[in-house]
Amino acid sequence: MEQGFNDRGRAGKGWGLVAAPADMDPDDLEEQAAVLQGRPVGGWGLVQLAAGTGFAAYVMWAGVLMPGFRKVPLKLQVPYLPSSAQQVANTMSLLKGRSGKMVDLGSGDGRLVLEAYKQGFQPAVGYELNPWLLGLSKYRAWRAGYYGKVSYQREDLWKVNLSDCYNVTVFLAPSVQPILATKLLAELPDEARVVAGRFPFAAWTPTSIVGEGLNRIWAYDMKSVRQAQQNNPEGAKRKNQS
């Protein structure tokens, strides 16, 4: 039996989707988006989704599932999963005492970017292809009183130039980490720090680690990463290929 949502938008058995968009707040919607983007949903699932929540909900979820992903090669696609409050706190603890430009690659609902701005990072920029998630990000910023102060851009993270970025956060799947590592090494300045959540960079040695389990976060200083790779290029290559 496929997993669906019950009348409060929570995960349940089957596709018994009876909640209407008017009944949901943004946190309910993003929970559903996270589950749906975290696994494949076939055409029949979308039909049942439309029937359970009304055509407007179908349009909304079609916007969550499809735009952006269609423009990115399959091997570079990264499903959306919102960061927990503890993950955000741990991420910011590894950026404590730093300043300058902060970017979140695949910013989702924008919560990391918003928190970074609150803690003094300017500019704070999120790159996200999905228009629905961009809309949710801007709504969150407006609700918090920071609309127009943080920047959410509909850009492919694989195409943006990161040469002026000194604080980078990434919560991406391990399948894309080797490709991303190559991009970061090629573009980031030595003074940059990369903070990764959920999955570490296999070929890199972290400068700092905080948290446990799903809340574990890793920090990498690019100067140290480059020095380590120069000292042991073959070892770094093997790790990236594993």
Protein backbone atom coordinates (compact mmCIF):
# COMPACT_ATOMS: atom_id res chain seq x y z
CA MET A 1 0.00 0.00 0.00
CA GLU A 2 1.38 3.39 -0.96
CA GLN A 3 1.94 5.93 1.77
CA GLY A 4 -0.37 8.94 1.59
CA PHE A 5 -1.68 11.66 3.89
CA ASN A 6 -4.55 11.77 6.32
CA ASP A 7 -6.99 14.62 6.84
CA ARG A 8 -4.41 16.74 8.67
CA GLY A 9 -1.79 16.41 5.97
CA ARG A 10 0.24 13.84 7.94
CA ALA A 11 1.62 10.62 6.52
CA GLY A 12 -0.81 7.71 6.51
CA LYS A 13 -1.67 4.53 4.65
CA GLY A 14 -3.09 4.69 1.16
CA TRP A 15 -3.85 7.73 -0.95
CA GLY A 16 -6.69 8.93 1.29
CA LEU A 17 -6.07 12.57 0.57
CA VAL A 18 -8.96 14.60 1.91
CA ALA A 19 -7.34 17.78 3.21
CA ALA A 20 -7.98 20.91 1.18
CA PRO A 21 -5.32 23.60 0.74
CA ALA A 22 -7.39 26.01 2.83
CA ASP A 23 -6.97 23.65 5.80
CA MET A 24 -3.17 23.68 5.62
CA ASP A 25 -0.55 26.12 6.79
CA PRO A 26 2.86 26.43 5.06
CA ASP A 27 4.45 23.88 7.41
CA ASP A 28 1.79 21.29 6.50
CA LEU A 29 2.35 21.95 2.81
CA GLU A 30 6.11 21.65 3.02
CA GLU A 31 5.80 18.36 4.95
CA GLN A 32 3.71 16.94 2.14
CA ALA A 33 6.11 18.30 -0.46
CA ALA A 34 9.03 16.68 1.31
CA VAL A 35 7.38 13.27 1.34
CA LEU A 36 6.24 13.52 -2.27
CA GLN A 37 9.59 14.73 -3.57
CA GLY A 38 11.40 12.15 -1.49
CA ARG A 39 9.95 9.28 -3.51
CA PRO A 40 8.45 8.66 -6.97
CA VAL A 41 4.76 9.30 -7.55
CA GLY A 42 3.21 7.74 -10.62
CA GLY A 43 0.45 9.10 -12.81
CA TRP A 44 -2.24 7.19 -10.90
CA GLY A 45 -0.95 8.64 -7.64
CA LEU A 46 -1.33 12.14 -9.06
CA VAL A 47 -4.88 11.37 -10.19
CA GLN A 48 -5.77 10.16 -6.69
CA LEU A 49 -4.04 13.20 -5.25
CA ALA A 50 -6.16 15.48 -7.41
CA ALA A 51 -9.34 13.64 -6.46
CA GLY A 52 -8.57 13.79 -2.74
CA THR A 53 -7.63 17.43 -2.44
CA GLY A 54 -9.34 19.10 -5.37
CA PHE A 55 -7.94 20.34 -8.64
CA ALA A 56 -6.26 23.34 -7.01
CA ALA A 57 -4.23 21.03 -4.78
CA TYR A 58 -3.29 18.93 -7.78
CA VAL A 59 -2.01 22.01 -9.57
CA MET A 60 -0.01 22.96 -6.49
CA TRP A 61 1.59 19.56 -6.10
CA ALA A 62 2.25 19.25 -9.80
CA GLY A 63 4.14 22.50 -9.42
CA VAL A 64 6.12 21.00 -6.53
CA LEU A 65 6.94 17.74 -8.26
CA MET A 66 7.71 18.74 -11.82
CA PRO A 67 9.12 22.24 -12.50
CA GLY A 68 12.86 22.52 -12.07
CA PHE A 69 13.41 18.75 -12.00
CA ARG A 70 12.56 18.58 -15.71
CA LYS A 71 15.37 21.04 -16.48
CA VAL A 72 18.11 19.18 -14.62
CA PRO A 73 19.85 15.96 -15.76
CA LEU A 74 18.62 12.94 -13.80
CA LYS A 75 21.96 12.30 -12.08
CA LEU A 76 22.00 15.89 -10.76
CA GLN A 77 18.43 15.94 -9.40
CA VAL A 78 18.13 16.37 -5.63
CA PRO A 79 14.80 15.75 -3.83
CA TYR A 80 13.56 18.39 -1.41
CA LEU A 81 13.55 17.61 2.30
CA PRO A 82 13.17 20.47 4.79
CA SER A 83 15.90 20.99 7.40
CA SER A 84 14.93 20.45 11.03
CA ALA A 85 15.27 23.23 13.58
CA GLN A 86 18.24 21.40 15.12
CA GLN A 87 19.93 21.03 11.75
CA VAL A 88 19.56 24.76 11.16
CA ALA A 89 20.95 25.54 14.62
CA ASN A 90 23.92 23.20 14.14
CA THR A 91 24.63 24.67 10.71
CA MET A 92 24.69 28.20 12.03
CA SER A 93 26.93 27.18 14.93
CA LEU A 94 29.57 26.15 12.38
CA LEU A 95 29.32 29.58 10.74
CA LYS A 96 29.58 31.47 14.03
CA GLY A 97 32.06 34.33 13.93
CA ARG A 98 32.08 34.46 10.15
CA SER A 99 30.61 37.12 7.89
CA GLY A 100 30.16 38.09 4.26
CA LYS A 101 28.15 36.41 1.55
CA MET A 102 26.28 33.23 2.42
CA VAL A 103 24.68 30.97 -0.19
CA ASP A 104 22.52 27.89 0.24
CA LEU A 105 22.70 25.53 -2.75
CA GLY A 106 19.26 24.04 -3.27
CA SER A 107 17.63 26.30 -0.69
CA GLY A 108 14.23 24.58 -0.58
CA ASP A 109 11.84 26.56 1.59
CA GLY A 110 14.53 29.13 2.42
CA ARG A 111 14.79 28.62 6.16
CA LEU A 112 18.60 28.41 6.24
CA VAL A 113 19.00 31.58 4.19
CA LEU A 114 16.54 33.43 6.42
CA GLU A 115 18.34 32.37 9.59
CA ALA A 116 21.71 33.32 8.09
CA TYR A 117 20.44 36.83 7.35
CA LYS A 118 19.11 37.14 10.90
CA GLN A 119 22.59 36.28 12.16
CA GLY A 120 24.29 38.97 10.10
CA PHE A 121 25.27 37.35 6.81
CA GLN A 122 24.86 39.79 3.92
CA PRO A 123 23.99 39.10 1.27
CA ALA A 124 22.20 35.85 2.12
CA VAL A 125 21.21 34.02 -1.06
CA GLY A 126 19.31 30.85 -1.81
CA TYR A 127 19.47 29.11 -5.18
CA GLU A 128 16.43 26.98 -5.97
CA LEU A 129 14.86 25.87 -9.26
CA ASN A 130 11.43 24.93 -7.98
CA PRO A 131 9.05 27.93 -8.31
CA TRP A 132 6.66 26.67 -5.64
CA LEU A 133 9.47 26.41 -3.10
CA LEU A 134 10.68 29.87 -4.09
CA GLY A 135 7.20 31.20 -3.42
CA LEU A 136 7.16 29.50 -0.03
CA SER A 137 10.60 30.96 0.76
CA LYS A 138 9.45 34.48 -0.04
CA TYR A 139 6.30 34.00 2.02
CA ARG A 140 8.37 32.86 4.99
CA ALA A 141 10.60 35.93 4.63
CA TRP A 142 7.55 38.21 4.43
CA ARG A 143 5.97 36.58 7.47
CA ALA A 144 9.21 37.08 9.43
CA GLY A 145 9.49 40.73 8.37
CA TYR A 146 12.51 40.24 6.09
CA TYR A 147 10.89 40.34 2.65
CA GLY A 148 13.26 41.94 0.14
CA LYS A 149 16.22 41.66 2.51
CA VAL A 150 17.05 38.04 1.73
CA SER A 151 17.52 36.87 -1.85
CA TYR A 152 15.91 33.75 -3.32
CA GLN A 153 16.86 33.16 -6.93
CA ARG A 154 15.51 30.70 -9.44
CA GLU A 155 18.89 29.43 -10.59
CA ASP A 156 20.39 26.04 -11.33
CA LEU A 157 22.95 25.53 -8.57
CA TRP A 158 25.19 23.69 -11.03
CA LYS A 159 25.45 26.79 -13.21
CA VAL A 160 25.92 29.61 -10.70
CA ASN A 161 29.39 31.08 -10.20
CA LEU A 162 30.56 30.68 -6.60
CA SER A 163 33.87 32.53 -6.84
CA ASP A 164 32.68 35.33 -4.51
CA CYS A 165 31.06 33.05 -1.92
CA TYR A 166 32.68 32.62 1.48
CA ASN A 167 29.96 30.73 3.35
CA VAL A 168 28.21 27.87 1.55
CA THR A 169 25.62 25.47 2.92
CA VAL A 170 24.56 22.25 1.21
CA PHE A 171 21.98 19.64 2.18
CA LEU A 172 22.21 17.42 -0.88
CA ALA A 173 22.12 13.71 -1.70
CA PRO A 174 25.36 11.67 -1.58
CA SER A 175 24.96 10.77 -5.25
CA VAL A 176 25.77 14.35 -6.27
CA GLN A 177 28.48 15.07 -3.69
CA PRO A 178 31.47 14.07 -5.88
CA ILE A 179 30.25 16.30 -8.73
CA LEU A 180 29.56 19.15 -6.32
CA ALA A 181 32.97 18.72 -4.68
CA THR A 182 34.63 19.25 -8.06
CA LYS A 183 32.64 22.45 -8.62
CA LEU A 184 33.40 23.82 -5.16
CA LEU A 185 37.12 23.09 -5.50
CA ALA A 186 37.20 24.84 -8.87
CA GLU A 187 35.30 27.97 -7.83
CA LEU A 188 35.44 28.76 -4.12
CA PRO A 189 38.17 30.97 -2.64
CA ASP A 190 40.56 29.52 -0.06
CA GLU A 191 38.83 31.51 2.69
CA ALA A 192 35.47 29.85 2.04
CA ARG A 193 33.81 27.43 4.43
CA VAL A 194 31.39 24.76 3.23
CA VAL A 195 28.87 23.41 5.72
CA ALA A 196 27.18 20.14 4.76
CA GLY A 197 24.14 18.56 6.35
CA ARG A 198 22.86 14.95 6.30
CA PHE A 199 25.80 13.62 4.27
CA PRO A 200 29.51 14.50 4.45
CA PHE A 201 31.88 14.89 1.52
CA ALA A 202 33.53 11.46 1.40
CA ALA A 203 36.85 12.69 0.00
CA TRP A 204 37.23 15.65 2.35
CA THR A 205 38.37 15.82 5.97
CA PRO A 206 36.07 18.09 8.00
CA THR A 207 37.41 20.95 10.08
CA SER A 208 34.57 20.63 12.59
CA ILE A 209 31.58 18.36 13.26
CA VAL A 210 28.56 19.05 15.45
CA GLY A 211 25.45 17.04 16.25
CA GLU A 212 24.51 13.38 16.17
CA GLY A 213 22.55 11.17 13.81
CA LEU A 214 20.36 13.04 11.35
CA ASN A 215 21.34 16.33 12.96
CA ARG A 216 25.07 15.88 12.34
CA ILE A 217 26.66 18.72 10.36
CA TRP A 218 30.16 18.92 8.85
CA ALA A 219 32.26 22.04 8.16
CA TYR A 220 35.06 22.15 5.59
CA ASP A 221 37.56 24.98 5.11
CA MET A 222 38.55 25.10 1.47
CA LYS A 223 42.20 25.96 2.09
CA SER A 224 42.59 22.85 4.25
CA VAL A 225 40.71 20.70 1.74
CA ARG A 226 42.98 21.83 -1.10
CA GLN A 227 46.13 21.28 0.94
CA ALA A 228 45.04 17.75 1.86
CA GLN A 229 44.31 16.92 -1.77
CA GLN A 230 47.66 18.29 -2.89
CA ASN A 231 49.41 16.12 -0.30
CA ASN A 232 47.50 12.97 -1.28
CA PRO A 233 45.91 13.39 -4.74
CA GLU A 234 45.49 9.66 -5.41
CA GLY A 235 43.74 9.07 -2.09
CA ALA A 236 41.33 11.92 -2.74
CA LYS A 237 40.60 10.58 -6.22
CA ARG A 238 39.81 7.09 -4.90
CA LYS A 239 37.44 8.49 -2.26
CA ASN A 240 35.59 10.56 -4.84
CA GLN A 241 35.13 7.51 -7.05
CA SER A 242 33.93 5.22 -4.25
